[in-house]
Amino acid sequence: MAIIPLVAGLAACDDFGKYPSADTHGELQWEIDRESVAKAGAQLPDINDFLLTIIDNKGVTLYDGPYGDSPASLTVPAGSYTISVVSGQFTSPAFAHPVYGDEEVVVIKAGESATVYLNCTLINCGIRLRIAPDFLTSFPDGVMYVKQGSAKLMYSYMEDRIAYFKPGEIAVVLYNEGKEETLFTRILEARQILTVSISAPGKADGGASSIRVSLDTSKTWLTENWVIGGDNSGNGQGGGSVPDACSVSEARERIGQKDVWVYGYIVGGDLTTSATGEVKTSGITKATHLAMADRSTIRDKAACIAVELPAGKVRDALNLVAHPDLIGTRVYVKGEIVEKYFGTVGLKGTSDYVMK
């Protein structure tokens, strides 16, 4: 995944009755920009599993956990706050381990609401070696390493994965006949992926094997090519397979589309036709529908979609009368997105599901 820029926007809030004091407090909200998240494939976790941290200017942590389980907003004293998100931990070099994230500082003013849009880009860098067959012929007992400081990865001749490192100096080292030789070093920045072709076409006049290194000097900025999370190969349009699924918030913009996969969290049920209110989370009596949202902590009906559970396998597996423990569970469901169902956007004719 790639690191995405963070943008903070402030807008006046009309109703601060829920705040301890409109003179001293404001509201902090955050969203990962799903449409601009870059794609890195199966190496990355779901966006909802990204690790979110919110810290105030005194160093007190207000939230530290999965993005999908974070509250929809926080009422906080006026001041500055650091919001950061990463796709996972990265402490040492590893193959196929890109890490994406973003960090920004936002100022909350009393009586106002600030929404932070987190845009994640690649925060580590990588190197891929293309080792020609003639290299193995010249160095049959040689071992290639990619090294940063005291940490190193052995790069076998058949390896085709990218080796990821923290930004900084990276060395390519050949260990042969009891001797270690640094072939070259390069300094890479975050988001840079360097491809190196290495060959050893023959013996030099002195009898030693010659080494020729050619570098692909172009930088690969993953954010320009790949998308994260829910957008996938369907370009956010939803589609006929789970990999094409769109988020709940994206589904609200796809009204009228049929056979669309939508993913999110089951957050409650027993909805009413009223357009406002909170979803019910306990004592549910209706097996015909449920509410789904982008985060497991959302209870505001306006931020949910109502999912119809027709009689059959879908209702048997997902209804909250028989399965109240499903609240907070991530699920993919397939159906037709309609403008109104129980007073909110809905998914009707649900024909299939996949539990996450």
Protein backbone atom coordinates (compact mmCIF):
# COMPACT_ATOMS: atom_id res chain seq x y z
CA MET A 1 0.00 0.00 0.00
CA ALA A 2 1.06 3.51 -0.44
CA ILE A 3 1.12 6.46 1.95
CA ILE A 4 -1.81 8.79 1.36
CA PRO A 5 -1.77 12.53 2.26
CA LEU A 6 -3.97 13.70 5.10
CA VAL A 7 -6.29 16.65 4.61
CA ALA A 8 -8.08 18.39 7.47
CA GLY A 9 -11.17 20.46 6.87
CA LEU A 10 -13.01 22.53 9.47
CA ALA A 11 -16.70 23.29 9.28
CA ALA A 12 -18.99 25.03 11.75
CA CYS A 13 -21.30 22.74 13.71
CA ASP A 14 -24.80 23.95 14.49
CA ASP A 15 -25.62 21.72 17.46
CA PHE A 16 -23.16 21.40 20.34
CA GLY A 17 -25.70 20.33 22.93
CA LYS A 18 -23.97 16.98 23.24
CA TYR A 19 -20.63 18.61 24.08
CA PRO A 20 -19.61 19.27 27.68
CA SER A 21 -19.21 22.89 26.61
CA ALA A 22 -19.41 24.50 23.19
CA ASP A 23 -17.04 27.17 24.52
CA THR A 24 -14.25 24.67 25.23
CA HIS A 25 -14.89 21.58 23.11
CA GLY A 26 -15.12 20.57 19.48
CA GLU A 27 -15.66 17.40 17.48
CA LEU A 28 -12.94 15.31 15.83
CA GLN A 29 -13.83 12.94 12.97
CA TRP A 30 -11.67 10.89 10.61
CA GLU A 31 -11.96 8.84 7.44
CA ILE A 32 -9.57 6.81 5.30
CA ASP A 33 -10.04 7.96 1.73
CA ARG A 34 -11.07 4.65 0.18
CA GLU A 35 -11.30 5.96 -3.38
CA SER A 36 -7.68 7.13 -3.48
CA VAL A 37 -6.13 4.32 -1.47
CA ALA A 38 -3.59 2.63 -3.70
CA LYS A 39 -3.78 -1.08 -4.50
CA ALA A 40 -1.16 -3.56 -3.38
CA GLY A 41 -3.08 -6.81 -3.67
CA ALA A 42 -3.28 -9.66 -1.19
CA GLN A 43 -0.17 -8.54 0.71
CA LEU A 44 -2.20 -5.92 2.57
CA PRO A 45 -4.90 -6.30 5.22
CA ASP A 46 -8.39 -4.89 4.82
CA ILE A 47 -8.61 -1.13 5.41
CA ASN A 48 -10.67 -1.83 8.52
CA ASP A 49 -7.68 -3.67 10.00
CA PHE A 50 -5.35 -0.67 9.60
CA LEU A 51 -4.01 0.49 12.98
CA LEU A 52 -5.31 3.92 13.95
CA THR A 53 -3.82 6.08 16.72
CA ILE A 54 -5.14 9.41 18.01
CA ILE A 55 -2.95 11.36 20.47
CA ASP A 56 -3.54 14.78 22.05
CA ASN A 57 -0.90 17.50 22.46
CA LYS A 58 -0.04 16.21 25.95
CA GLY A 59 0.84 12.77 24.63
CA VAL A 60 -2.34 11.10 25.91
CA THR A 61 -3.62 8.36 23.60
CA LEU A 62 -7.34 8.74 22.91
CA TYR A 63 -7.63 5.73 20.60
CA ASP A 64 -5.24 2.96 19.58
CA GLY A 65 -6.70 0.06 17.63
CA PRO A 66 -8.20 -1.12 14.32
CA TYR A 67 -9.69 1.60 12.13
CA GLY A 68 -12.87 -0.44 11.67
CA ASP A 69 -13.50 -0.49 15.42
CA SER A 70 -12.86 3.21 16.00
CA PRO A 71 -15.77 5.47 17.05
CA ALA A 72 -17.35 7.65 14.38
CA SER A 73 -16.20 10.81 16.22
CA LEU A 74 -14.75 12.10 19.47
CA THR A 75 -15.79 15.12 21.51
CA VAL A 76 -12.49 16.66 22.61
CA PRO A 77 -11.17 19.83 24.25
CA ALA A 78 -9.96 22.51 21.86
CA GLY A 79 -6.34 21.87 20.91
CA SER A 80 -4.12 19.95 18.50
CA TYR A 81 -4.29 16.22 17.84
CA THR A 82 -2.08 13.79 15.93
CA ILE A 83 -3.92 11.17 13.90
CA SER A 84 -1.90 8.36 12.33
CA VAL A 85 -2.76 5.15 10.53
CA VAL A 86 -0.59 2.27 9.29
CA SER A 87 -1.41 -0.97 7.52
CA GLY A 88 0.80 -2.95 9.87
CA GLN A 89 3.98 -2.99 11.93
CA PHE A 90 7.38 -3.02 10.23
CA THR A 91 10.47 -3.47 12.41
CA SER A 92 12.95 -5.36 10.22
CA PRO A 93 13.55 -6.12 6.52
CA ALA A 94 11.07 -8.58 5.03
CA PHE A 95 9.96 -9.91 1.68
CA ALA A 96 6.53 -8.97 0.37
CA HIS A 97 5.79 -6.67 3.30
CA PRO A 98 4.79 -3.21 2.06
CA VAL A 99 3.48 -0.90 4.77
CA TYR A 100 1.15 2.00 4.07
CA GLY A 101 0.17 4.86 6.31
CA ASP A 102 -0.32 8.54 6.97
CA GLU A 103 0.04 10.97 9.85
CA GLU A 104 -1.28 14.48 10.29
CA VAL A 105 -1.81 17.06 12.99
CA VAL A 106 -5.19 18.78 13.15
CA VAL A 107 -6.28 21.71 15.30
CA ILE A 108 -9.73 21.49 16.91
CA LYS A 109 -11.36 24.83 17.68
CA ALA A 110 -14.05 25.26 20.32
CA GLY A 111 -17.53 25.00 18.85
CA GLU A 112 -16.30 23.56 15.54
CA SER A 113 -15.96 20.17 13.89
CA ALA A 114 -12.80 18.96 12.12
CA THR A 115 -12.83 16.03 9.70
CA VAL A 116 -9.52 14.45 8.79
CA TYR A 117 -9.25 12.45 5.56
CA LEU A 118 -6.40 9.94 5.81
CA ASN A 119 -4.65 9.13 2.56
CA CYS A 120 -2.19 6.25 2.84
CA THR A 121 0.97 5.83 0.77
CA LEU A 122 3.91 3.45 1.00
CA ILE A 123 6.12 4.32 3.96
CA ASN A 124 8.87 1.79 3.37
CA CYS A 125 10.95 1.15 0.24
CA GLY A 126 11.95 -1.95 -1.67
CA ILE A 127 14.49 -3.59 -3.93
CA ARG A 128 14.06 -6.47 -6.37
CA LEU A 129 17.03 -8.36 -7.82
CA ARG A 130 16.94 -9.91 -11.28
CA ILE A 131 19.80 -12.43 -11.22
CA ALA A 132 20.82 -13.77 -14.63
CA PRO A 133 21.61 -17.51 -15.13
CA ASP A 134 25.23 -16.69 -16.00
CA PHE A 135 25.72 -15.35 -12.47
CA LEU A 136 24.95 -18.77 -11.03
CA THR A 137 27.39 -20.33 -13.50
CA SER A 138 30.20 -18.00 -12.42
CA PHE A 139 29.40 -18.24 -8.68
CA PRO A 140 27.89 -21.72 -8.11
CA ASP A 141 28.52 -21.49 -4.35
CA GLY A 142 27.81 -17.79 -4.01
CA VAL A 143 25.03 -16.40 -1.82
CA MET A 144 23.46 -12.99 -2.42
CA TYR A 145 22.21 -10.77 0.43
CA VAL A 146 20.35 -7.49 0.59
CA LYS A 147 21.49 -5.66 3.70
CA GLN A 148 20.67 -2.60 5.79
CA GLY A 149 22.88 -2.04 8.81
CA SER A 150 23.22 -5.36 10.62
CA ALA A 151 19.94 -6.73 9.24
CA LYS A 152 19.99 -8.71 6.00
CA LEU A 153 17.88 -10.94 3.78
CA MET A 154 19.24 -13.78 1.68
CA TYR A 155 18.19 -13.29 -1.93
CA SER A 156 18.09 -16.66 -3.65
CA TYR A 157 18.56 -16.95 -7.38
CA MET A 158 14.92 -17.95 -7.81
CA GLU A 159 13.49 -15.19 -5.59
CA ASP A 160 11.07 -12.86 -7.37
CA ARG A 161 9.54 -11.00 -4.43
CA ILE A 162 10.38 -7.43 -3.43
CA ALA A 163 12.53 -7.08 -0.32
CA TYR A 164 11.19 -4.21 1.81
CA PHE A 165 13.34 -1.98 4.04
CA LYS A 166 13.04 1.21 5.99
CA PRO A 167 14.03 4.24 3.88
CA GLY A 168 17.81 4.70 3.85
CA GLU A 169 20.96 3.02 2.56
CA ILE A 170 20.65 -0.54 1.25
CA ALA A 171 23.59 -2.71 0.19
CA VAL A 172 23.71 -5.70 -2.15
CA VAL A 173 26.32 -8.14 -0.90
CA LEU A 174 27.87 -11.28 -2.44
CA TYR A 175 29.22 -13.96 -0.09
CA ASN A 176 31.47 -16.37 -1.99
CA GLU A 177 34.33 -18.71 -1.01
CA GLY A 178 34.42 -17.39 2.54
CA LYS A 179 34.60 -13.74 1.51
CA GLU A 180 31.94 -11.01 1.62
CA GLU A 181 31.94 -8.36 -1.10
CA THR A 182 29.60 -5.37 -1.27
CA LEU A 183 28.62 -5.04 -4.92
CA PHE A 184 26.93 -1.66 -4.50
CA THR A 185 24.86 0.48 -2.15
CA ARG A 186 21.90 2.70 -2.90
CA ILE A 187 19.89 5.17 -0.83
CA LEU A 188 16.15 4.71 -1.30
CA GLU A 189 13.33 6.92 -0.11
CA ALA A 190 9.84 5.93 0.94
CA ARG A 191 7.73 4.78 -2.04
CA GLN A 192 10.78 3.90 -4.15
CA ILE A 193 11.06 0.37 -5.54
CA LEU A 194 14.36 -0.27 -7.31
CA THR A 195 14.82 -3.17 -9.75
CA VAL A 196 18.42 -4.35 -10.22
CA SER A 197 19.62 -6.75 -12.92
CA ILE A 198 22.85 -8.58 -12.08
CA SER A 199 24.87 -10.77 -14.43
CA ALA A 200 28.35 -12.31 -14.59
CA PRO A 201 28.97 -13.00 -18.30
CA GLY A 202 32.40 -14.60 -17.99
CA LYS A 203 35.93 -14.44 -16.69
CA ALA A 204 38.00 -11.28 -16.84
CA ASP A 205 41.61 -11.37 -18.11
CA GLY A 206 42.90 -11.69 -14.57
CA GLY A 207 41.00 -14.95 -14.16
CA ALA A 208 38.36 -13.60 -11.80
CA SER A 209 34.72 -13.56 -12.69
CA SER A 210 33.55 -10.16 -13.84
CA ILE A 211 30.40 -8.64 -12.44
CA ARG A 212 28.18 -6.26 -14.36
CA VAL A 213 25.39 -4.42 -12.60
CA SER A 214 22.73 -2.54 -14.52
CA LEU A 215 20.16 -0.44 -12.66
CA ASP A 216 16.60 0.37 -13.55
CA THR A 217 16.87 4.02 -12.51
CA SER A 218 13.15 4.70 -12.71
CA LYS A 219 11.29 4.91 -9.41
CA THR A 220 8.04 3.05 -8.98
CA TRP A 221 5.58 5.17 -7.04
CA LEU A 222 2.98 2.60 -6.06
CA THR A 223 0.31 5.19 -5.45
CA GLU A 224 0.18 5.91 -9.15
CA ASN A 225 -0.68 2.37 -10.10
CA TRP A 226 -2.38 0.36 -7.35
CA VAL A 227 -5.62 0.78 -5.21
CA ILE A 228 -6.43 -0.37 -1.38
CA GLY A 229 -9.05 -1.86 0.30
CA GLY A 230 -12.52 -1.93 -1.02
CA ASP A 231 -11.81 -0.37 -4.45
CA ASN A 232 -9.92 -3.32 -5.94
CA SER A 233 -10.35 -4.44 -9.57
CA GLY A 234 -13.93 -3.20 -9.78
CA ASN A 235 -12.73 0.41 -9.55
CA GLY A 236 -15.16 1.04 -6.72
CA GLN A 237 -18.18 0.16 -8.83
CA GLY A 238 -19.08 -3.06 -7.11
CA GLY A 239 -19.40 -6.15 -9.25
CA GLY A 240 -19.99 -9.82 -9.58
CA SER A 241 -17.31 -11.11 -7.22
CA VAL A 242 -16.18 -10.45 -3.67
CA PRO A 243 -12.87 -8.82 -4.76
CA ASP A 244 -14.97 -6.17 -6.52
CA ALA A 245 -16.92 -5.29 -3.36
CA CYS A 246 -17.56 -1.65 -2.43
CA SER A 247 -17.80 -0.17 1.04
CA VAL A 248 -21.06 0.92 2.70
CA SER A 249 -20.29 4.58 2.03
CA GLU A 250 -19.54 3.79 -1.63
CA ALA A 251 -22.74 1.74 -1.90
CA ARG A 252 -24.77 4.82 -0.99
CA GLU A 253 -23.55 6.34 -4.26
CA ARG A 254 -24.44 3.26 -6.36
CA ILE A 255 -28.24 3.38 -6.06
CA GLY A 256 -29.92 1.33 -8.77
CA GLN A 257 -27.06 -1.08 -9.36
CA LYS A 258 -27.84 -4.80 -9.18
CA ASP A 259 -25.76 -7.83 -8.17
CA VAL A 260 -23.37 -5.60 -6.23
CA TRP A 261 -21.13 -6.93 -3.46
CA VAL A 262 -20.97 -4.62 -0.44
CA TYR A 263 -18.75 -5.10 2.59
CA GLY A 264 -18.98 -3.70 6.11
CA TYR A 265 -19.83 -4.53 9.71
CA ILE A 266 -23.13 -5.84 11.04
CA VAL A 267 -24.09 -3.17 13.61
CA GLY A 268 -27.72 -3.93 14.57
CA GLY A 269 -31.26 -4.54 13.45
CA ASP A 270 -34.98 -3.98 14.11
CA LEU A 271 -34.95 -0.84 11.98
CA THR A 272 -37.96 1.47 11.71
CA THR A 273 -39.12 3.46 8.70
CA SER A 274 -37.95 6.68 10.38
CA ALA A 275 -34.99 8.30 8.61
CA THR A 276 -33.29 9.12 11.92
CA GLY A 277 -32.30 7.39 15.13
CA GLU A 278 -29.91 4.68 16.24
CA VAL A 279 -29.96 1.03 15.24
CA LYS A 280 -31.00 -1.51 17.84
CA THR A 281 -28.18 -3.74 19.13
CA SER A 282 -29.90 -6.06 21.61
CA GLY A 283 -33.25 -7.78 22.07
CA ILE A 284 -33.72 -7.93 18.30
CA THR A 285 -37.00 -9.54 17.19
CA LYS A 286 -36.96 -9.19 13.38
CA ALA A 287 -35.09 -11.79 11.32
CA THR A 288 -35.89 -10.14 7.98
CA HIS A 289 -33.17 -7.46 7.90
CA LEU A 290 -30.07 -5.99 9.54
CA ALA A 291 -28.05 -2.76 9.50
CA MET A 292 -24.51 -2.62 8.12
CA ALA A 293 -21.91 0.18 8.39
CA ASP A 294 -18.30 0.95 7.52
CA ARG A 295 -17.23 0.69 11.17
CA SER A 296 -18.31 -1.67 13.90
CA THR A 297 -18.93 1.21 16.33
CA ILE A 298 -21.43 3.13 14.18
CA ARG A 299 -25.00 3.26 15.50
CA ASP A 300 -26.41 6.23 13.57
CA LYS A 301 -28.95 4.83 11.14
CA ALA A 302 -28.18 7.57 8.59
CA ALA A 303 -24.64 6.17 8.25
CA CYS A 304 -25.87 2.59 7.68
CA ILE A 305 -27.49 0.64 4.90
CA ALA A 306 -30.42 -1.66 5.64
CA VAL A 307 -29.83 -5.18 4.31
CA GLU A 308 -32.80 -7.36 3.42
CA LEU A 309 -32.50 -11.01 4.50
CA PRO A 310 -34.77 -13.08 2.24
CA ALA A 311 -35.92 -16.47 3.49
CA GLY A 312 -33.33 -19.14 2.86
CA LYS A 313 -29.60 -19.50 3.40
CA VAL A 314 -28.94 -15.75 3.79
CA ARG A 315 -31.54 -15.28 6.53
CA ASP A 316 -30.58 -18.52 8.22
CA ALA A 317 -26.94 -17.46 8.44
CA LEU A 318 -27.20 -13.72 9.16
CA ASN A 319 -30.38 -12.96 11.07
CA LEU A 320 -29.73 -11.40 14.47
CA VAL A 321 -32.60 -13.14 16.23
CA ALA A 322 -30.83 -16.48 15.92
CA HIS A 323 -27.31 -15.05 15.85
CA PRO A 324 -27.06 -11.95 18.11
CA ASP A 325 -23.31 -12.57 18.40
CA LEU A 326 -22.89 -11.46 14.75
CA ILE A 327 -23.04 -7.78 15.77
CA GLY A 328 -19.58 -6.37 15.10
CA THR A 329 -18.78 -9.06 12.51
CA ARG A 330 -17.48 -8.09 9.07
CA VAL A 331 -19.49 -9.47 6.17
CA TYR A 332 -19.86 -9.24 2.38
CA VAL A 333 -23.39 -9.29 0.96
CA LYS A 334 -24.69 -9.25 -2.61
CA GLY A 335 -27.87 -7.63 -3.87
CA GLU A 336 -29.51 -4.57 -5.43
CA ILE A 337 -28.82 -1.12 -3.97
CA VAL A 338 -32.05 0.84 -3.50
CA GLU A 339 -32.66 4.42 -2.42
CA LYS A 340 -35.02 3.65 0.46
CA TYR A 341 -35.41 0.63 2.72
CA PHE A 342 -36.47 1.22 6.32
CA GLY A 343 -35.85 4.95 5.86
CA THR A 344 -32.26 4.68 4.59
CA VAL A 345 -30.30 3.35 1.61
CA GLY A 346 -30.83 -0.39 1.35
CA LEU A 347 -29.64 -3.62 -0.18
CA LYS A 348 -32.64 -5.63 -1.41
CA GLY A 349 -32.88 -9.17 -2.73
CA THR A 350 -29.72 -10.24 -0.91
CA SER A 351 -28.69 -13.40 -2.75
CA ASP A 352 -25.32 -14.30 -1.28
CA TYR A 353 -22.96 -13.57 1.58
CA VAL A 354 -19.39 -14.19 2.74
CA MET A 355 -18.35 -13.95 6.38
CA LYS A 356 -14.98 -12.27 6.94
